[in-house]
Amino acid sequence: MKKRNLIVSLFLAGIIVVAIIIWGTNQPEKLPTAPSFAQAGNDQSDVVLYFGQECPHCKDVDKFIVDNQIEQKVIFAEREVWHNVDNQAEMDEKIMECALDKNKVGVPFLFIRGKCYIGVADVEKQFKKEAGIQ
């Protein structure tokens, strides 16, 4: 009887171990991901890209970021401002910090360590500089 109980216990322990292994392999991998226009990005970044969801110029910048693998070379946050009033208010603060007229600033808008860059050409140029692409 003791031998049978031992075999049953070992069998149940084996099933539990296998179940844990199977459960563990089915969990999503939690790797750091690069920001995309669909995500909020890194809140601690000193490089922040502000964009509008439907903005065609922002889509050009997004394509540039993907094509040049900028997200692998530069840590930056992204903030959608057309549909998020908190992000818009944050962008307005950055605009004021750069002493710009908020009525004349649109997206794409890049804020890097106290400096502001507006428009596709300036944003891409600064991302190239940050990424070491020349």
N, C-alpha and C. Protein backbone atom coordinates (compact mmCIF):
# COMPACT_ATOMS: atom_id res chain seq x y z
N MET A 1 0.81 -1.19 0.00
CA MET A 1 0.00 0.00 0.00
C MET A 1 0.86 1.26 0.00
N LYS A 2 1.96 1.26 0.79
CA LYS A 2 2.84 2.42 0.83
C LYS A 2 3.50 2.65 -0.54
N LYS A 3 3.83 1.55 -1.19
CA LYS A 3 4.46 1.65 -2.51
C LYS A 3 3.48 2.28 -3.51
N ARG A 4 2.21 1.87 -3.42
CA ARG A 4 1.20 2.42 -4.32
C ARG A 4 1.00 3.92 -4.06
N ASN A 5 0.95 4.33 -2.80
CA ASN A 5 0.81 5.75 -2.45
C ASN A 5 2.00 6.56 -2.97
N LEU A 6 3.18 6.00 -2.87
CA LEU A 6 4.38 6.67 -3.37
C LEU A 6 4.30 6.85 -4.89
N ILE A 7 3.88 5.83 -5.60
CA ILE A 7 3.76 5.90 -7.05
C ILE A 7 2.71 6.94 -7.44
N VAL A 8 1.58 6.94 -6.78
CA VAL A 8 0.52 7.91 -7.06
C VAL A 8 1.03 9.33 -6.77
N SER A 9 1.72 9.52 -5.67
CA SER A 9 2.26 10.84 -5.31
C SER A 9 3.26 11.32 -6.36
N LEU A 10 4.16 10.45 -6.79
CA LEU A 10 5.14 10.81 -7.81
C LEU A 10 4.45 11.14 -9.14
N PHE A 11 3.43 10.35 -9.47
CA PHE A 11 2.68 10.60 -10.71
C PHE A 11 2.01 11.97 -10.66
N LEU A 12 1.35 12.30 -9.54
CA LEU A 12 0.69 13.60 -9.40
C LEU A 12 1.71 14.75 -9.41
N ALA A 13 2.83 14.53 -8.77
CA ALA A 13 3.89 15.55 -8.78
C ALA A 13 4.38 15.78 -10.21
N GLY A 14 4.52 14.69 -10.96
CA GLY A 14 4.95 14.81 -12.36
C GLY A 14 3.95 15.59 -13.19
N ILE A 15 2.66 15.33 -12.97
CA ILE A 15 1.61 16.05 -13.70
C ILE A 15 1.67 17.54 -13.36
N ILE A 16 1.87 17.85 -12.10
CA ILE A 16 1.95 19.26 -11.69
C ILE A 16 3.15 19.94 -12.33
N VAL A 17 4.29 19.29 -12.35
CA VAL A 17 5.49 19.86 -12.97
C VAL A 17 5.25 20.10 -14.47
N VAL A 18 4.68 19.14 -15.15
CA VAL A 18 4.39 19.29 -16.59
C VAL A 18 3.40 20.43 -16.82
N ALA A 19 2.38 20.53 -15.97
CA ALA A 19 1.38 21.60 -16.11
C ALA A 19 2.03 22.97 -15.92
N ILE A 20 2.92 23.09 -14.96
CA ILE A 20 3.62 24.36 -14.72
C ILE A 20 4.50 24.71 -15.92
N ILE A 21 5.19 23.74 -16.46
CA ILE A 21 6.04 23.99 -17.63
C ILE A 21 5.20 24.43 -18.81
N ILE A 22 4.10 23.74 -19.06
CA ILE A 22 3.22 24.11 -20.19
C ILE A 22 2.65 25.50 -19.97
N TRP A 23 2.18 25.79 -18.77
CA TRP A 23 1.62 27.10 -18.46
C TRP A 23 2.69 28.19 -18.67
N GLY A 24 3.92 27.93 -18.21
CA GLY A 24 5.00 28.91 -18.33
C GLY A 24 5.39 29.20 -19.77
N THR A 25 5.36 28.20 -20.62
CA THR A 25 5.74 28.41 -22.01
C THR A 25 4.64 29.11 -22.80
N ASN A 26 3.42 29.12 -22.29
CA ASN A 26 2.31 29.79 -22.98
C ASN A 26 2.12 31.23 -22.54
N GLN A 27 2.93 31.71 -21.61
CA GLN A 27 2.82 33.10 -21.15
C GLN A 27 3.52 34.00 -22.16
N PRO A 28 2.97 35.20 -22.39
CA PRO A 28 3.62 36.12 -23.33
C PRO A 28 4.97 36.56 -22.79
N GLU A 29 5.90 36.69 -23.71
CA GLU A 29 7.24 37.13 -23.34
C GLU A 29 7.19 38.61 -23.03
N LYS A 30 7.77 39.01 -21.93
CA LYS A 30 7.73 40.40 -21.50
C LYS A 30 9.07 41.06 -21.77
N LEU A 31 9.29 41.41 -23.02
CA LEU A 31 10.49 42.12 -23.41
C LEU A 31 10.18 43.59 -23.56
N PRO A 32 11.17 44.46 -23.32
CA PRO A 32 10.90 45.87 -23.57
C PRO A 32 10.62 46.09 -25.05
N THR A 33 9.59 46.86 -25.33
CA THR A 33 9.24 47.11 -26.72
C THR A 33 9.49 48.56 -27.06
N ALA A 34 9.79 48.80 -28.30
CA ALA A 34 9.98 50.17 -28.77
C ALA A 34 8.64 50.85 -28.88
N PRO A 35 8.59 52.11 -28.60
CA PRO A 35 7.32 52.82 -28.73
C PRO A 35 6.87 52.87 -30.17
N SER A 36 5.60 52.91 -30.35
CA SER A 36 5.04 53.15 -31.66
C SER A 36 3.95 54.19 -31.50
N PHE A 37 3.42 54.72 -32.57
CA PHE A 37 2.41 55.75 -32.46
C PHE A 37 1.18 55.25 -31.74
N ALA A 38 1.00 53.95 -31.60
CA ALA A 38 -0.16 53.41 -30.90
C ALA A 38 0.08 53.32 -29.40
N GLN A 39 1.29 53.53 -28.94
CA GLN A 39 1.61 53.38 -27.54
C GLN A 39 1.98 54.72 -26.92
N ALA A 40 1.92 54.78 -25.61
CA ALA A 40 2.25 56.01 -24.90
C ALA A 40 3.75 56.24 -24.85
N GLY A 41 4.55 55.18 -24.84
CA GLY A 41 5.98 55.34 -24.82
C GLY A 41 6.52 55.41 -23.41
N ASN A 42 7.76 55.76 -23.28
CA ASN A 42 8.48 55.81 -22.02
C ASN A 42 8.24 57.15 -21.35
N ASP A 43 7.62 57.15 -20.18
CA ASP A 43 7.29 58.39 -19.49
C ASP A 43 8.51 59.13 -18.97
N GLN A 44 9.65 58.47 -18.84
CA GLN A 44 10.83 59.08 -18.27
C GLN A 44 11.78 59.63 -19.32
N SER A 45 11.42 59.59 -20.57
CA SER A 45 12.31 59.98 -21.65
C SER A 45 12.49 61.50 -21.71
N ASP A 46 13.69 61.92 -22.07
CA ASP A 46 13.93 63.35 -22.31
C ASP A 46 13.82 63.67 -23.80
N VAL A 47 13.36 62.69 -24.57
CA VAL A 47 13.05 62.87 -25.98
C VAL A 47 11.59 62.44 -26.16
N VAL A 48 10.75 63.39 -26.59
CA VAL A 48 9.33 63.10 -26.71
C VAL A 48 8.84 63.55 -28.09
N LEU A 49 8.18 62.64 -28.79
CA LEU A 49 7.57 62.94 -30.09
C LEU A 49 6.07 63.08 -29.89
N TYR A 50 5.55 64.24 -30.24
CA TYR A 50 4.11 64.50 -30.18
C TYR A 50 3.54 64.36 -31.59
N PHE A 51 2.38 63.69 -31.70
CA PHE A 51 1.81 63.42 -33.02
C PHE A 51 0.29 63.42 -32.94
N GLY A 52 -0.32 63.49 -34.11
CA GLY A 52 -1.77 63.36 -34.23
C GLY A 52 -2.08 62.04 -34.92
N GLN A 53 -3.06 61.34 -34.42
CA GLN A 53 -3.37 60.00 -34.93
C GLN A 53 -3.60 59.98 -36.44
N GLU A 54 -4.35 60.95 -36.95
CA GLU A 54 -4.68 60.95 -38.39
C GLU A 54 -3.74 61.85 -39.20
N CYS A 55 -2.74 62.40 -38.59
CA CYS A 55 -1.83 63.35 -39.24
C CYS A 55 -0.98 62.66 -40.32
N PRO A 56 -1.10 63.07 -41.59
CA PRO A 56 -0.32 62.43 -42.64
C PRO A 56 1.19 62.69 -42.50
N HIS A 57 1.55 63.86 -42.01
CA HIS A 57 2.98 64.16 -41.81
C HIS A 57 3.56 63.29 -40.70
N CYS A 58 2.75 63.03 -39.68
CA CYS A 58 3.18 62.16 -38.58
C CYS A 58 3.39 60.73 -39.09
N LYS A 59 2.54 60.31 -40.01
CA LYS A 59 2.70 58.97 -40.61
C LYS A 59 4.02 58.89 -41.39
N ASP A 60 4.42 60.00 -42.02
CA ASP A 60 5.72 60.04 -42.71
C ASP A 60 6.86 59.86 -41.71
N VAL A 61 6.75 60.54 -40.57
CA VAL A 61 7.78 60.41 -39.53
C VAL A 61 7.79 58.98 -38.99
N ASP A 62 6.62 58.40 -38.78
CA ASP A 62 6.54 57.02 -38.30
C ASP A 62 7.23 56.07 -39.27
N LYS A 63 7.00 56.26 -40.56
CA LYS A 63 7.66 55.42 -41.58
C LYS A 63 9.17 55.60 -41.51
N PHE A 64 9.62 56.84 -41.36
CA PHE A 64 11.05 57.12 -41.22
C PHE A 64 11.62 56.38 -40.00
N ILE A 65 10.91 56.44 -38.88
CA ILE A 65 11.36 55.78 -37.65
C ILE A 65 11.49 54.28 -37.87
N VAL A 66 10.51 53.68 -38.50
CA VAL A 66 10.54 52.24 -38.76
C VAL A 66 11.64 51.89 -39.75
N ASP A 67 11.70 52.62 -40.87
CA ASP A 67 12.68 52.32 -41.92
C ASP A 67 14.12 52.45 -41.44
N ASN A 68 14.36 53.37 -40.51
CA ASN A 68 15.72 53.62 -40.03
C ASN A 68 15.99 53.00 -38.65
N GLN A 69 15.04 52.20 -38.17
CA GLN A 69 15.17 51.50 -36.88
C GLN A 69 15.55 52.46 -35.76
N ILE A 70 14.94 53.64 -35.78
CA ILE A 70 15.23 54.66 -34.78
C ILE A 70 14.89 54.17 -33.38
N GLU A 71 13.80 53.42 -33.25
CA GLU A 71 13.37 52.95 -31.93
C GLU A 71 14.40 52.03 -31.28
N GLN A 72 15.31 51.47 -32.08
CA GLN A 72 16.37 50.62 -31.53
C GLN A 72 17.61 51.43 -31.18
N LYS A 73 17.66 52.69 -31.62
CA LYS A 73 18.85 53.52 -31.42
C LYS A 73 18.62 54.69 -30.47
N VAL A 74 17.37 55.07 -30.31
CA VAL A 74 17.04 56.24 -29.50
C VAL A 74 15.89 55.88 -28.56
N ILE A 75 16.06 56.20 -27.29
CA ILE A 75 14.97 56.02 -26.34
C ILE A 75 14.12 57.28 -26.39
N PHE A 76 12.86 57.12 -26.74
CA PHE A 76 11.97 58.27 -26.81
C PHE A 76 10.54 57.85 -26.49
N ALA A 77 9.79 58.83 -26.04
CA ALA A 77 8.37 58.62 -25.74
C ALA A 77 7.56 59.22 -26.87
N GLU A 78 6.34 58.75 -27.01
CA GLU A 78 5.42 59.29 -28.01
C GLU A 78 4.12 59.66 -27.34
N ARG A 79 3.56 60.78 -27.76
CA ARG A 79 2.31 61.25 -27.18
C ARG A 79 1.36 61.67 -28.30
N GLU A 80 0.19 61.06 -28.34
CA GLU A 80 -0.85 61.44 -29.29
C GLU A 80 -1.59 62.63 -28.69
N VAL A 81 -1.69 63.73 -29.46
CA VAL A 81 -2.25 64.97 -28.91
C VAL A 81 -3.60 65.37 -29.49
N TRP A 82 -4.04 64.78 -30.56
CA TRP A 82 -5.31 65.17 -31.17
C TRP A 82 -6.50 64.62 -30.40
N HIS A 83 -6.32 63.49 -29.74
CA HIS A 83 -7.42 62.84 -29.04
C HIS A 83 -7.16 62.70 -27.54
N ASN A 84 -6.08 63.28 -27.06
CA ASN A 84 -5.73 63.16 -25.66
C ASN A 84 -5.40 64.54 -25.10
N VAL A 85 -6.30 65.08 -24.30
CA VAL A 85 -6.14 66.45 -23.80
C VAL A 85 -4.96 66.57 -22.84
N ASP A 86 -4.66 65.52 -22.09
CA ASP A 86 -3.51 65.57 -21.19
C ASP A 86 -2.21 65.68 -21.98
N ASN A 87 -2.11 64.90 -23.05
CA ASN A 87 -0.91 64.98 -23.90
C ASN A 87 -0.82 66.33 -24.59
N GLN A 88 -1.97 66.87 -25.01
CA GLN A 88 -1.99 68.20 -25.63
C GLN A 88 -1.50 69.25 -24.64
N ALA A 89 -1.95 69.16 -23.40
CA ALA A 89 -1.52 70.11 -22.38
C ALA A 89 -0.02 69.99 -22.12
N GLU A 90 0.49 68.77 -22.12
CA GLU A 90 1.93 68.55 -21.94
C GLU A 90 2.70 69.17 -23.10
N MET A 91 2.21 68.96 -24.33
CA MET A 91 2.86 69.55 -25.49
C MET A 91 2.84 71.07 -25.40
N ASP A 92 1.71 71.64 -24.97
CA ASP A 92 1.62 73.10 -24.82
C ASP A 92 2.65 73.62 -23.83
N GLU A 93 2.90 72.87 -22.75
CA GLU A 93 3.93 73.26 -21.78
C GLU A 93 5.31 73.29 -22.43
N LYS A 94 5.58 72.27 -23.25
CA LYS A 94 6.88 72.21 -23.94
C LYS A 94 7.01 73.36 -24.93
N ILE A 95 5.92 73.68 -25.61
CA ILE A 95 5.92 74.78 -26.57
C ILE A 95 6.24 76.09 -25.84
N MET A 96 5.62 76.29 -24.69
CA MET A 96 5.89 77.50 -23.89
C MET A 96 7.33 77.51 -23.40
N GLU A 97 7.84 76.34 -23.03
CA GLU A 97 9.23 76.24 -22.57
C GLU A 97 10.20 76.69 -23.66
N CYS A 98 9.83 76.44 -24.90
CA CYS A 98 10.66 76.85 -26.04
C CYS A 98 10.31 78.27 -26.52
N ALA A 99 9.42 78.94 -25.81
CA ALA A 99 9.01 80.31 -26.14
C ALA A 99 8.42 80.41 -27.55
N LEU A 100 7.58 79.43 -27.90
CA LEU A 100 6.92 79.42 -29.20
C LEU A 100 5.45 79.77 -29.01
N ASP A 101 4.81 80.21 -30.09
CA ASP A 101 3.38 80.51 -30.08
C ASP A 101 2.62 79.20 -30.33
N LYS A 102 1.85 78.76 -29.34
CA LYS A 102 1.18 77.46 -29.47
C LYS A 102 0.16 77.45 -30.61
N ASN A 103 -0.29 78.60 -31.04
CA ASN A 103 -1.23 78.67 -32.16
C ASN A 103 -0.54 78.46 -33.51
N LYS A 104 0.79 78.47 -33.50
CA LYS A 104 1.55 78.30 -34.74
C LYS A 104 2.36 77.01 -34.76
N VAL A 105 2.13 76.16 -33.77
CA VAL A 105 2.89 74.91 -33.68
C VAL A 105 1.93 73.75 -33.89
N GLY A 106 2.35 72.83 -34.75
CA GLY A 106 1.55 71.63 -35.00
C GLY A 106 2.40 70.39 -34.83
N VAL A 107 1.86 69.30 -35.29
CA VAL A 107 2.57 68.03 -35.22
C VAL A 107 3.00 67.63 -36.64
N PRO A 108 4.05 66.88 -36.75
CA PRO A 108 4.86 66.29 -35.70
C PRO A 108 5.71 67.35 -34.98
N PHE A 109 5.83 67.14 -33.68
CA PHE A 109 6.55 68.05 -32.81
C PHE A 109 7.47 67.22 -31.93
N LEU A 110 8.75 67.54 -31.93
CA LEU A 110 9.73 66.76 -31.18
C LEU A 110 10.36 67.66 -30.12
N PHE A 111 10.39 67.17 -28.90
CA PHE A 111 11.00 67.90 -27.79
C PHE A 111 12.18 67.09 -27.31
N ILE A 112 13.37 67.68 -27.39
CA ILE A 112 14.59 66.99 -26.96
C ILE A 112 15.34 67.89 -25.98
N ARG A 113 15.37 67.46 -24.73
CA ARG A 113 16.14 68.14 -23.69
C ARG A 113 16.03 69.66 -23.76
N GLY A 114 14.80 70.16 -23.78
CA GLY A 114 14.58 71.60 -23.73
C GLY A 114 14.55 72.30 -25.07
N LYS A 115 14.70 71.56 -26.15
CA LYS A 115 14.67 72.16 -27.49
C LYS A 115 13.50 71.58 -28.29
N CYS A 116 12.90 72.42 -29.13
CA CYS A 116 11.72 72.03 -29.89
C CYS A 116 12.02 71.96 -31.38
N TYR A 117 11.45 70.95 -32.04
CA TYR A 117 11.61 70.76 -33.47
C TYR A 117 10.24 70.47 -34.05
N ILE A 118 9.91 71.19 -35.12
CA ILE A 118 8.57 71.12 -35.70
C ILE A 118 8.66 70.71 -37.16
N GLY A 119 7.79 69.79 -37.58
CA GLY A 119 7.72 69.39 -38.97
C GLY A 119 8.57 68.18 -39.29
N VAL A 120 8.23 67.54 -40.39
CA VAL A 120 8.87 66.29 -40.79
C VAL A 120 10.38 66.46 -40.94
N ALA A 121 10.81 67.46 -41.68
CA ALA A 121 12.24 67.62 -41.96
C ALA A 121 13.05 67.81 -40.68
N ASP A 122 12.61 68.71 -39.80
CA ASP A 122 13.35 68.96 -38.56
C ASP A 122 13.33 67.76 -37.63
N VAL A 123 12.18 67.10 -37.53
CA VAL A 123 12.07 65.94 -36.65
C VAL A 123 12.98 64.81 -37.15
N GLU A 124 12.94 64.53 -38.44
CA GLU A 124 13.79 63.47 -38.98
C GLU A 124 15.27 63.82 -38.83
N LYS A 125 15.62 65.07 -39.06
CA LYS A 125 17.01 65.52 -38.91
C LYS A 125 17.50 65.30 -37.48
N GLN A 126 16.68 65.64 -36.50
CA GLN A 126 17.07 65.47 -35.10
C GLN A 126 17.13 64.01 -34.69
N PHE A 127 16.22 63.21 -35.21
CA PHE A 127 16.28 61.77 -34.93
C PHE A 127 17.54 61.17 -35.53
N LYS A 128 17.92 61.60 -36.73
CA LYS A 128 19.18 61.12 -37.32
C LYS A 128 20.36 61.48 -36.43
N LYS A 129 20.35 62.69 -35.95
CA LYS A 129 21.45 63.16 -35.08
C LYS A 129 21.48 62.33 -33.80
N GLU A 130 20.33 62.12 -33.17
CA GLU A 130 20.25 61.34 -31.93
C GLU A 130 20.69 59.87 -32.16
N ALA A 131 20.37 59.35 -33.34
CA ALA A 131 20.67 57.95 -33.65
C ALA A 131 22.08 57.75 -34.21
N GLY A 132 22.76 58.86 -34.49
CA GLY A 132 24.10 58.76 -35.06
C GLY A 132 24.09 58.43 -36.54
N ILE A 133 23.01 58.78 -37.21
CA ILE A 133 22.87 58.55 -38.66
C ILE A 133 23.19 59.86 -39.37
N GLN A 134 24.12 59.86 -40.27
CA GLN A 134 24.42 61.10 -41.00
C GLN A 134 24.49 60.90 -42.47
